[in-house]
Amino acid sequence: MTDNILDSQTVRRLHEKAAHGESVTDDEMLELRTLASEHMAGFMDTLRRFDCHLRQREMDTCILVKLRFSPKELCNLFGMRASAVSNMRSRLYRKLYGEKGSSAAFDDRIRGMGS
């Protein structure tokens, strides 16, 4: 992953929103998805190759985790409780890798995926 996506105006704005407890808008997520497709094509292709048909919120979670958003930031951006975000990441681990794994293990695997 190139540093320019991490330093992009879009990613910085979403970190700011999360820090202030604000939710992400549909337009902002669309902008982030477009940015991810342009700058993280390998990562996005890898996600699409999993035979599990990720829902949009699940794909967005993967993108945000890859971009180093913290669990607390995910809670704020999605307007969800910490337990719901943790459970979603654990379920995503099972969905993607076919085995039980923690939310932290999910984050590690996603962040370790190719860009």
N, C-alpha and C. Protein backbone atom coordinates (compact mmCIF):
# COMPACT_ATOMS: atom_id res chain seq x y z
N MET A 1 0.86 -1.18 0.00
CA MET A 1 0.00 0.00 0.00
C MET A 1 0.90 1.23 0.00
N THR A 2 0.55 2.17 -0.83
CA THR A 2 1.35 3.38 -0.89
C THR A 2 0.93 4.35 0.20
N ASP A 3 1.91 5.11 0.68
CA ASP A 3 1.63 6.06 1.74
C ASP A 3 0.71 7.18 1.28
N ASN A 4 0.66 7.45 -0.03
CA ASN A 4 -0.17 8.56 -0.46
C ASN A 4 -1.66 8.32 -0.20
N ILE A 5 -2.11 7.09 -0.16
CA ILE A 5 -3.52 6.87 0.20
C ILE A 5 -3.72 7.13 1.70
N LEU A 6 -2.75 6.75 2.51
CA LEU A 6 -2.86 7.00 3.95
C LEU A 6 -2.85 8.50 4.25
N ASP A 7 -2.15 9.26 3.43
CA ASP A 7 -2.06 10.71 3.61
C ASP A 7 -3.07 11.48 2.77
N SER A 8 -3.96 10.77 2.11
CA SER A 8 -4.94 11.44 1.25
C SER A 8 -5.92 12.25 2.09
N GLN A 9 -6.47 13.25 1.44
CA GLN A 9 -7.45 14.11 2.10
C GLN A 9 -8.65 13.29 2.59
N THR A 10 -9.07 12.32 1.81
CA THR A 10 -10.22 11.49 2.17
C THR A 10 -9.96 10.72 3.45
N VAL A 11 -8.83 10.05 3.53
CA VAL A 11 -8.51 9.24 4.71
C VAL A 11 -8.31 10.14 5.93
N ARG A 12 -7.62 11.26 5.75
CA ARG A 12 -7.43 12.20 6.88
C ARG A 12 -8.77 12.72 7.38
N ARG A 13 -9.68 13.06 6.44
CA ARG A 13 -11.00 13.57 6.84
C ARG A 13 -11.78 12.52 7.62
N LEU A 14 -11.70 11.25 7.20
CA LEU A 14 -12.42 10.20 7.92
C LEU A 14 -11.83 9.95 9.31
N HIS A 15 -10.50 10.05 9.45
CA HIS A 15 -9.89 9.95 10.77
C HIS A 15 -10.39 11.08 11.67
N GLU A 16 -10.50 12.28 11.11
CA GLU A 16 -11.00 13.43 11.88
C GLU A 16 -12.45 13.21 12.30
N LYS A 17 -13.27 12.77 11.38
CA LYS A 17 -14.67 12.51 11.71
C LYS A 17 -14.77 11.48 12.83
N ALA A 18 -14.00 10.41 12.70
CA ALA A 18 -14.03 9.36 13.72
C ALA A 18 -13.60 9.90 15.08
N ALA A 19 -12.58 10.76 15.08
CA ALA A 19 -12.08 11.33 16.32
C ALA A 19 -13.13 12.21 17.00
N HIS A 20 -14.02 12.77 16.20
CA HIS A 20 -15.09 13.61 16.74
C HIS A 20 -16.41 12.85 16.93
N GLY A 21 -16.37 11.54 16.75
CA GLY A 21 -17.56 10.73 16.97
C GLY A 21 -18.61 10.86 15.89
N GLU A 22 -18.20 11.27 14.71
CA GLU A 22 -19.15 11.46 13.61
C GLU A 22 -19.21 10.22 12.72
N SER A 23 -20.36 9.99 12.12
CA SER A 23 -20.55 8.86 11.20
C SER A 23 -20.13 9.24 9.79
N VAL A 24 -19.73 8.23 9.04
CA VAL A 24 -19.35 8.41 7.64
C VAL A 24 -20.62 8.47 6.80
N THR A 25 -20.60 9.30 5.75
CA THR A 25 -21.75 9.37 4.84
C THR A 25 -21.57 8.36 3.71
N ASP A 26 -22.64 8.08 3.01
CA ASP A 26 -22.56 7.18 1.85
C ASP A 26 -21.62 7.73 0.79
N ASP A 27 -21.67 9.05 0.57
CA ASP A 27 -20.79 9.66 -0.43
C ASP A 27 -19.32 9.54 -0.04
N GLU A 28 -19.03 9.69 1.25
CA GLU A 28 -17.65 9.56 1.71
C GLU A 28 -17.16 8.12 1.56
N MET A 29 -18.01 7.15 1.83
CA MET A 29 -17.61 5.75 1.65
C MET A 29 -17.40 5.45 0.17
N LEU A 30 -18.24 5.99 -0.69
CA LEU A 30 -18.05 5.80 -2.12
C LEU A 30 -16.71 6.39 -2.57
N GLU A 31 -16.38 7.55 -2.06
CA GLU A 31 -15.10 8.18 -2.37
C GLU A 31 -13.94 7.31 -1.89
N LEU A 32 -14.07 6.74 -0.69
CA LEU A 32 -13.01 5.88 -0.15
C LEU A 32 -12.88 4.60 -0.97
N ARG A 33 -14.01 4.01 -1.37
CA ARG A 33 -13.95 2.79 -2.20
C ARG A 33 -13.24 3.07 -3.52
N THR A 34 -13.53 4.20 -4.13
CA THR A 34 -12.89 4.58 -5.38
C THR A 34 -11.39 4.74 -5.17
N LEU A 35 -11.01 5.41 -4.11
CA LEU A 35 -9.60 5.59 -3.77
C LEU A 35 -8.92 4.25 -3.54
N ALA A 36 -9.59 3.35 -2.83
CA ALA A 36 -9.03 2.02 -2.57
C ALA A 36 -8.85 1.24 -3.87
N SER A 37 -9.80 1.33 -4.77
CA SER A 37 -9.68 0.63 -6.05
C SER A 37 -8.50 1.16 -6.86
N GLU A 38 -8.23 2.45 -6.76
CA GLU A 38 -7.13 3.05 -7.51
C GLU A 38 -5.77 2.76 -6.88
N HIS A 39 -5.68 2.81 -5.56
CA HIS A 39 -4.39 2.75 -4.87
C HIS A 39 -4.10 1.41 -4.20
N MET A 40 -5.12 0.56 -4.06
CA MET A 40 -4.93 -0.74 -3.40
C MET A 40 -5.55 -1.84 -4.26
N ALA A 41 -5.26 -1.80 -5.54
CA ALA A 41 -5.88 -2.74 -6.48
C ALA A 41 -5.60 -4.18 -6.11
N GLY A 42 -4.38 -4.49 -5.71
CA GLY A 42 -4.04 -5.87 -5.33
C GLY A 42 -4.85 -6.34 -4.14
N PHE A 43 -4.99 -5.49 -3.15
CA PHE A 43 -5.77 -5.82 -1.95
C PHE A 43 -7.23 -6.04 -2.32
N MET A 44 -7.79 -5.15 -3.13
CA MET A 44 -9.19 -5.26 -3.52
C MET A 44 -9.41 -6.53 -4.35
N ASP A 45 -8.49 -6.85 -5.24
CA ASP A 45 -8.60 -8.08 -6.03
C ASP A 45 -8.55 -9.31 -5.14
N THR A 46 -7.67 -9.29 -4.14
CA THR A 46 -7.57 -10.42 -3.21
C THR A 46 -8.89 -10.60 -2.46
N LEU A 47 -9.48 -9.52 -1.99
CA LEU A 47 -10.76 -9.62 -1.30
C LEU A 47 -11.85 -10.20 -2.20
N ARG A 48 -11.85 -9.77 -3.45
CA ARG A 48 -12.88 -10.25 -4.38
C ARG A 48 -12.70 -11.72 -4.73
N ARG A 49 -11.47 -12.24 -4.60
CA ARG A 49 -11.21 -13.65 -4.92
C ARG A 49 -11.73 -14.61 -3.85
N PHE A 50 -11.95 -14.11 -2.64
CA PHE A 50 -12.52 -14.98 -1.61
C PHE A 50 -13.91 -15.38 -2.08
N ASP A 51 -14.25 -16.62 -1.91
CA ASP A 51 -15.55 -17.12 -2.37
C ASP A 51 -16.58 -17.00 -1.27
N CYS A 52 -16.84 -15.76 -0.83
CA CYS A 52 -17.77 -15.60 0.29
C CYS A 52 -18.73 -14.43 0.10
N HIS A 53 -18.68 -13.75 -1.00
CA HIS A 53 -19.62 -12.68 -1.32
C HIS A 53 -19.79 -11.70 -0.16
N LEU A 54 -18.80 -10.86 0.04
CA LEU A 54 -18.85 -9.86 1.10
C LEU A 54 -19.93 -8.82 0.82
N ARG A 55 -20.67 -8.47 1.87
CA ARG A 55 -21.62 -7.38 1.77
C ARG A 55 -20.84 -6.06 1.77
N GLN A 56 -21.50 -4.99 1.39
CA GLN A 56 -20.80 -3.70 1.27
C GLN A 56 -20.20 -3.26 2.59
N ARG A 57 -20.93 -3.38 3.69
CA ARG A 57 -20.39 -2.98 5.00
C ARG A 57 -19.17 -3.82 5.36
N GLU A 58 -19.19 -5.08 5.00
CA GLU A 58 -18.04 -5.95 5.28
C GLU A 58 -16.83 -5.52 4.45
N MET A 59 -17.05 -5.21 3.19
CA MET A 59 -15.97 -4.74 2.33
C MET A 59 -15.42 -3.42 2.86
N ASP A 60 -16.32 -2.52 3.28
CA ASP A 60 -15.89 -1.24 3.84
C ASP A 60 -15.06 -1.44 5.10
N THR A 61 -15.44 -2.39 5.92
CA THR A 61 -14.69 -2.69 7.14
C THR A 61 -13.28 -3.15 6.79
N CYS A 62 -13.17 -4.02 5.81
CA CYS A 62 -11.85 -4.49 5.37
C CYS A 62 -10.99 -3.33 4.89
N ILE A 63 -11.57 -2.44 4.11
CA ILE A 63 -10.82 -1.29 3.60
C ILE A 63 -10.35 -0.41 4.74
N LEU A 64 -11.25 -0.11 5.67
CA LEU A 64 -10.88 0.77 6.78
C LEU A 64 -9.82 0.13 7.67
N VAL A 65 -9.93 -1.16 7.93
CA VAL A 65 -8.91 -1.84 8.74
C VAL A 65 -7.57 -1.81 8.01
N LYS A 66 -7.58 -2.07 6.72
CA LYS A 66 -6.34 -2.03 5.93
C LYS A 66 -5.70 -0.64 6.00
N LEU A 67 -6.53 0.38 6.06
CA LEU A 67 -6.05 1.76 6.12
C LEU A 67 -5.74 2.21 7.56
N ARG A 68 -5.65 1.25 8.45
CA ARG A 68 -5.20 1.49 9.83
C ARG A 68 -6.18 2.27 10.70
N PHE A 69 -7.47 2.14 10.40
CA PHE A 69 -8.47 2.72 11.29
C PHE A 69 -8.61 1.79 12.48
N SER A 70 -8.71 2.37 13.66
CA SER A 70 -8.81 1.58 14.89
C SER A 70 -10.24 1.08 15.09
N PRO A 71 -10.43 0.07 15.95
CA PRO A 71 -11.79 -0.38 16.24
C PRO A 71 -12.69 0.75 16.74
N LYS A 72 -12.15 1.63 17.57
CA LYS A 72 -12.96 2.75 18.07
C LYS A 72 -13.38 3.67 16.92
N GLU A 73 -12.47 3.90 15.97
CA GLU A 73 -12.82 4.72 14.81
C GLU A 73 -13.92 4.05 13.98
N LEU A 74 -13.84 2.72 13.83
CA LEU A 74 -14.90 2.00 13.11
C LEU A 74 -16.24 2.19 13.80
N CYS A 75 -16.24 2.08 15.13
CA CYS A 75 -17.47 2.29 15.90
C CYS A 75 -18.09 3.64 15.59
N ASN A 76 -17.27 4.67 15.64
CA ASN A 76 -17.77 6.02 15.40
C ASN A 76 -18.24 6.21 13.97
N LEU A 77 -17.45 5.76 13.02
CA LEU A 77 -17.82 5.95 11.61
C LEU A 77 -19.08 5.20 11.24
N PHE A 78 -19.25 4.00 11.77
CA PHE A 78 -20.43 3.18 11.44
C PHE A 78 -21.59 3.41 12.41
N GLY A 79 -21.36 4.16 13.48
CA GLY A 79 -22.43 4.38 14.47
C GLY A 79 -22.82 3.10 15.18
N MET A 80 -21.82 2.28 15.51
CA MET A 80 -22.06 0.97 16.13
C MET A 80 -21.36 0.90 17.48
N ARG A 81 -21.87 0.02 18.34
CA ARG A 81 -21.22 -0.22 19.63
C ARG A 81 -19.96 -1.04 19.41
N ALA A 82 -19.04 -0.95 20.37
CA ALA A 82 -17.75 -1.65 20.28
C ALA A 82 -17.95 -3.15 20.14
N SER A 83 -18.90 -3.71 20.87
CA SER A 83 -19.13 -5.16 20.80
C SER A 83 -19.62 -5.57 19.41
N ALA A 84 -20.44 -4.74 18.78
CA ALA A 84 -20.95 -5.06 17.45
C ALA A 84 -19.82 -5.04 16.41
N VAL A 85 -18.92 -4.06 16.52
CA VAL A 85 -17.79 -3.98 15.60
C VAL A 85 -16.85 -5.16 15.82
N SER A 86 -16.61 -5.51 17.07
CA SER A 86 -15.74 -6.65 17.38
C SER A 86 -16.33 -7.95 16.83
N ASN A 87 -17.63 -8.14 17.04
CA ASN A 87 -18.30 -9.35 16.53
C ASN A 87 -18.27 -9.40 15.00
N MET A 88 -18.46 -8.27 14.37
CA MET A 88 -18.44 -8.23 12.91
C MET A 88 -17.06 -8.64 12.39
N ARG A 89 -16.00 -8.15 13.02
CA ARG A 89 -14.65 -8.49 12.57
C ARG A 89 -14.35 -9.96 12.81
N SER A 90 -14.82 -10.51 13.92
CA SER A 90 -14.63 -11.95 14.19
C SER A 90 -15.39 -12.79 13.17
N ARG A 91 -16.61 -12.39 12.85
CA ARG A 91 -17.39 -13.11 11.83
C ARG A 91 -16.73 -13.02 10.46
N LEU A 92 -16.18 -11.85 10.16
CA LEU A 92 -15.47 -11.70 8.89
C LEU A 92 -14.25 -12.61 8.82
N TYR A 93 -13.57 -12.79 9.93
CA TYR A 93 -12.42 -13.70 9.94
C TYR A 93 -12.88 -15.10 9.54
N ARG A 94 -13.96 -15.57 10.15
CA ARG A 94 -14.48 -16.90 9.83
C ARG A 94 -14.95 -16.96 8.38
N LYS A 95 -15.61 -15.92 7.92
CA LYS A 95 -16.14 -15.90 6.56
C LYS A 95 -15.01 -15.95 5.53
N LEU A 96 -13.95 -15.20 5.78
CA LEU A 96 -12.84 -15.14 4.82
C LEU A 96 -11.91 -16.34 4.90
N TYR A 97 -11.62 -16.80 6.12
CA TYR A 97 -10.58 -17.81 6.30
C TYR A 97 -11.10 -19.18 6.71
N GLY A 98 -12.40 -19.30 6.93
CA GLY A 98 -12.99 -20.60 7.21
C GLY A 98 -12.63 -21.19 8.56
N GLU A 99 -12.19 -20.34 9.48
CA GLU A 99 -11.85 -20.81 10.82
C GLU A 99 -12.15 -19.72 11.82
N LYS A 100 -12.26 -20.11 13.07
CA LYS A 100 -12.55 -19.15 14.12
C LYS A 100 -11.32 -18.29 14.37
N GLY A 101 -11.55 -17.00 14.54
CA GLY A 101 -10.46 -16.08 14.83
C GLY A 101 -10.98 -14.85 15.54
N SER A 102 -10.12 -14.21 16.27
CA SER A 102 -10.50 -13.01 17.03
C SER A 102 -10.56 -11.79 16.11
N SER A 103 -11.15 -10.74 16.63
CA SER A 103 -11.21 -9.50 15.87
C SER A 103 -9.79 -8.95 15.64
N ALA A 104 -8.92 -9.09 16.64
CA ALA A 104 -7.53 -8.64 16.49
C ALA A 104 -6.80 -9.47 15.42
N ALA A 105 -7.09 -10.77 15.37
CA ALA A 105 -6.48 -11.63 14.34
C ALA A 105 -6.97 -11.21 12.95
N PHE A 106 -8.23 -10.83 12.86
CA PHE A 106 -8.77 -10.33 11.59
C PHE A 106 -7.98 -9.10 11.15
N ASP A 107 -7.81 -8.15 12.07
CA ASP A 107 -7.08 -6.93 11.74
C ASP A 107 -5.67 -7.26 11.24
N ASP A 108 -5.00 -8.16 11.93
CA ASP A 108 -3.63 -8.54 11.54
C ASP A 108 -3.61 -9.15 10.15
N ARG A 109 -4.55 -10.04 9.86
CA ARG A 109 -4.57 -10.70 8.55
C ARG A 109 -4.87 -9.70 7.43
N ILE A 110 -5.84 -8.82 7.67
CA ILE A 110 -6.21 -7.82 6.66
C ILE A 110 -5.05 -6.87 6.42
N ARG A 111 -4.42 -6.40 7.47
CA ARG A 111 -3.30 -5.47 7.31
C ARG A 111 -2.10 -6.12 6.66
N GLY A 112 -1.99 -7.45 6.78
CA GLY A 112 -0.89 -8.16 6.17
C GLY A 112 -1.11 -8.56 4.73
N MET A 113 -2.34 -8.38 4.23
CA MET A 113 -2.64 -8.71 2.84
C MET A 113 -1.91 -7.78 1.90
N GLY A 114 -1.65 -8.27 0.70
CA GLY A 114 -1.00 -7.44 -0.32
C GLY A 114 -1.78 -6.20 -0.66
N SER A 115 -1.06 -5.20 -1.13
CA SER A 115 -1.68 -3.92 -1.48
C SER A 115 -2.27 -4.01 -2.86
